[in-house]
C-alpha atoms as a PDB file:
ATOM      1  CA  MET A   1      55.623  64.237  91.022  1.00  0.00           C
ATOM      2  CA  GLY A   2      53.034  66.434  89.507  1.00  0.00           C
ATOM      3  CA  ASP A   3      49.631  66.508  87.920  1.00  0.00           C
ATOM      4  CA  ARG A   4      48.928  66.469  84.191  1.00  0.00           C
ATOM      5  CA  GLY A   5      48.746  70.261  84.226  1.00  0.00           C
ATOM      6  CA  TYR A   6      52.515  70.394  84.781  1.00  0.00           C
ATOM      7  CA  ASP A   7      53.264  68.245  81.744  1.00  0.00           C
ATOM      8  CA  SER A   8      55.387  70.350  79.428  1.00  0.00           C
ATOM      9  CA  ASN A   9      58.763  69.863  77.808  1.00  0.00           C
ATOM     10  CA  ARG A  10      60.064  72.950  79.577  1.00  0.00           C
ATOM     11  CA  SER A  11      59.212  71.704  83.079  1.00  0.00           C
ATOM     12  CA  ARG A  12      60.536  68.215  82.290  1.00  0.00           C
ATOM     13  CA  GLN A  13      63.846  69.633  81.044  1.00  0.00           C
ATOM     14  CA  SER A  14      64.148  71.885  84.090  1.00  0.00           C
ATOM     15  CA  LEU A  15      63.676  68.920  86.416  1.00  0.00           C
ATOM     16  CA  ALA A  16      66.091  66.759  84.412  1.00  0.00           C
ATOM     17  CA  LYS A  17      68.796  69.452  84.683  1.00  0.00           C
ATOM     18  CA  ARG A  18      68.499  69.261  88.471  1.00  0.00           C
ATOM     19  CA  SER A  19      68.725  65.432  88.399  1.00  0.00           C
ATOM     20  CA  ILE A  20      65.128  65.022  89.580  1.00  0.00           C
ATOM     21  CA  THR A  21      63.229  61.943  88.461  1.00  0.00           C
ATOM     22  CA  VAL A  22      60.094  63.111  86.698  1.00  0.00           C
ATOM     23  CA  CYS A  23      56.799  61.432  87.545  1.00  0.00           C
ATOM     24  CA  ILE A  24      54.196  63.427  85.626  1.00  0.00           C
ATOM     25  CA  PRO A  25      51.611  61.598  83.530  1.00  0.00           C
ATOM     26  CA  PRO A  26      51.410  62.895  79.949  1.00  0.00           C
ATOM     27  CA  LYS A  27      48.441  64.947  78.822  1.00  0.00           C
ATOM     28  CA  LYS A  28      45.844  63.124  76.739  1.00  0.00           C
ATOM     29  CA  ASN A  29      46.513  65.278  73.653  1.00  0.00           C
ATOM     30  CA  ARG A  30      50.326  64.917  73.767  1.00  0.00           C
ATOM     31  CA  LYS A  31      51.751  63.329  70.610  1.00  0.00           C
ATOM     32  CA  SER A  32      54.930  61.865  72.114  1.00  0.00           C
ATOM     33  CA  LYS A  33      53.993  60.309  75.440  1.00  0.00           C
ATOM     34  CA  PRO A  34      56.969  60.072  77.826  1.00  0.00           C
ATOM     35  CA  SER A  35      56.966  57.234  80.308  1.00  0.00           C
ATOM     36  CA  TYR A  36      56.201  57.658  84.010  1.00  0.00           C
ATOM     37  CA  SER A  37      55.828  55.416  87.042  1.00  0.00           C
ATOM     38  CA  TRP A  38      52.116  54.689  87.407  1.00  0.00           C
ATOM     39  CA  HIS A  39      52.599  53.129  90.855  1.00  0.00           C
ATOM     40  CA  LEU A  40      54.515  56.145  92.166  1.00  0.00           C
ATOM     41  CA  TYR A  41      51.851  58.485  90.776  1.00  0.00           C
ATOM     42  CA  LYS A  42      49.137  56.416  92.473  1.00  0.00           C
ATOM     43  CA  LYS A  43      50.894  56.894  95.835  1.00  0.00           C
ATOM     44  CA  ARG A  44      50.923  60.661  95.231  1.00  0.00           C
ATOM     45  CA  TYR A  45      47.213  60.563  94.464  1.00  0.00           C
ATOM     46  CA  LEU A  46      46.469  58.669  97.703  1.00  0.00           C
ATOM     47  CA  THR A  47      48.499  61.169  99.725  1.00  0.00           C
ATOM     48  CA  GLU A  48      46.703  64.092  98.080  1.00  0.00           C
ATOM     49  CA  ASN A  49      43.319  62.520  98.893  1.00  0.00           C
ATOM     50  CA  MET A  50      44.336  62.066 102.540  1.00  0.00           C
ATOM     51  CA  PHE A  51      45.175  65.769 102.814  1.00  0.00           C
ATOM     52  CA  ALA A  52      41.817  66.624 101.227  1.00  0.00           C
ATOM     53  CA  LYS A  53      40.041  64.511 103.850  1.00  0.00           C
ATOM     54  CA  LEU A  54      42.061  66.124 106.639  1.00  0.00           C
ATOM     55  CA  LYS A  55      41.016  69.562 105.398  1.00  0.00           C
ATOM     56  CA  GLU A  56      37.394  68.584 105.981  1.00  0.00           C
ATOM     57  CA  TRP A  57      38.173  68.665 109.713  1.00  0.00           C
ATOM     58  CA  ARG A  58      37.820  72.370 110.472  1.00  0.00           C
ATOM     59  CA  HIS A  59      40.127  72.259 113.476  1.00  0.00           C
ATOM     60  CA  VAL A  60      42.967  70.788 111.400  1.00  0.00           C
ATOM     61  CA  ALA A  61      42.313  72.899 108.292  1.00  0.00           C
ATOM     62  CA  THR A  62      42.443  76.230 110.138  1.00  0.00           C
ATOM     63  CA  GLY A  63      45.289  75.329 112.491  1.00  0.00           C
ATOM     64  CA  TYR A  64      43.747  76.700 115.687  1.00  0.00           C
ATOM     65  CA  ASP A  65      46.409  75.156 117.917  1.00  0.00           C
ATOM     66  CA  ARG A  66      49.299  77.340 118.994  1.00  0.00           C
ATOM     67  CA  CYS A  67      51.717  74.530 119.746  1.00  0.00           C
ATOM     68  CA  ALA A  68      53.076  72.245 117.054  1.00  0.00           C
ATOM     69  CA  HIS A  69      52.709  69.120 119.183  1.00  0.00           C
ATOM     70  CA  THR A  70      49.022  69.879 119.884  1.00  0.00           C
ATOM     71  CA  PHE A  71      48.381  70.485 116.179  1.00  0.00           C
ATOM     72  CA  MET A  72      50.126  67.204 115.341  1.00  0.00           C
ATOM     73  CA  SER A  73      47.950  65.422 117.906  1.00  0.00           C
ATOM     74  CA  ALA A  74      44.834  66.812 116.197  1.00  0.00           C
ATOM     75  CA  ILE A  75      46.123  65.526 112.858  1.00  0.00           C
ATOM     76  CA  HIS A  76      46.709  62.069 114.356  1.00  0.00           C
ATOM     77  CA  ILE A  77      43.214  61.968 115.858  1.00  0.00           C
ATOM     78  CA  ALA A  78      41.611  63.086 112.584  1.00  0.00           C
ATOM     79  CA  ALA A  79      43.663  60.580 110.573  1.00  0.00           C
ATOM     80  CA  GLY A  80      42.650  57.826 112.986  1.00  0.00           C
ATOM     81  CA  PHE A  81      38.960  58.638 112.564  1.00  0.00           C
ATOM     82  CA  ILE A  82      39.326  58.842 108.781  1.00  0.00           C
ATOM     83  CA  PHE A  83      41.056  55.461 108.706  1.00  0.00           C
ATOM     84  CA  TYR A  84      38.479  53.902 111.034  1.00  0.00           C
ATOM     85  CA  LEU A  85      35.484  55.302 109.109  1.00  0.00           C
ATOM     86  CA  LYS A  86      36.996  54.536 105.696  1.00  0.00           C
ATOM     87  CA  GLU A  87      34.373  53.358 103.258  1.00  0.00           C
END
């Protein structure tokens, strides 16, 4: 999955050679518009937005914790607050 900026014949062919299903929406100015899964792309967009919201939490964005389990706990707490305060 990628953003419109990665929409080129070269990148699509490279992914197809490696048997990777391409989910990149075509650019607006592209003459031949290849198909893509809109629903799959929407899930990517939601995931990307969640990471952007997590980066707003300074503690999570900078990774102050030394232990992986403590860092993961901070991510869970931040995600819980984000979900609870969701507009």
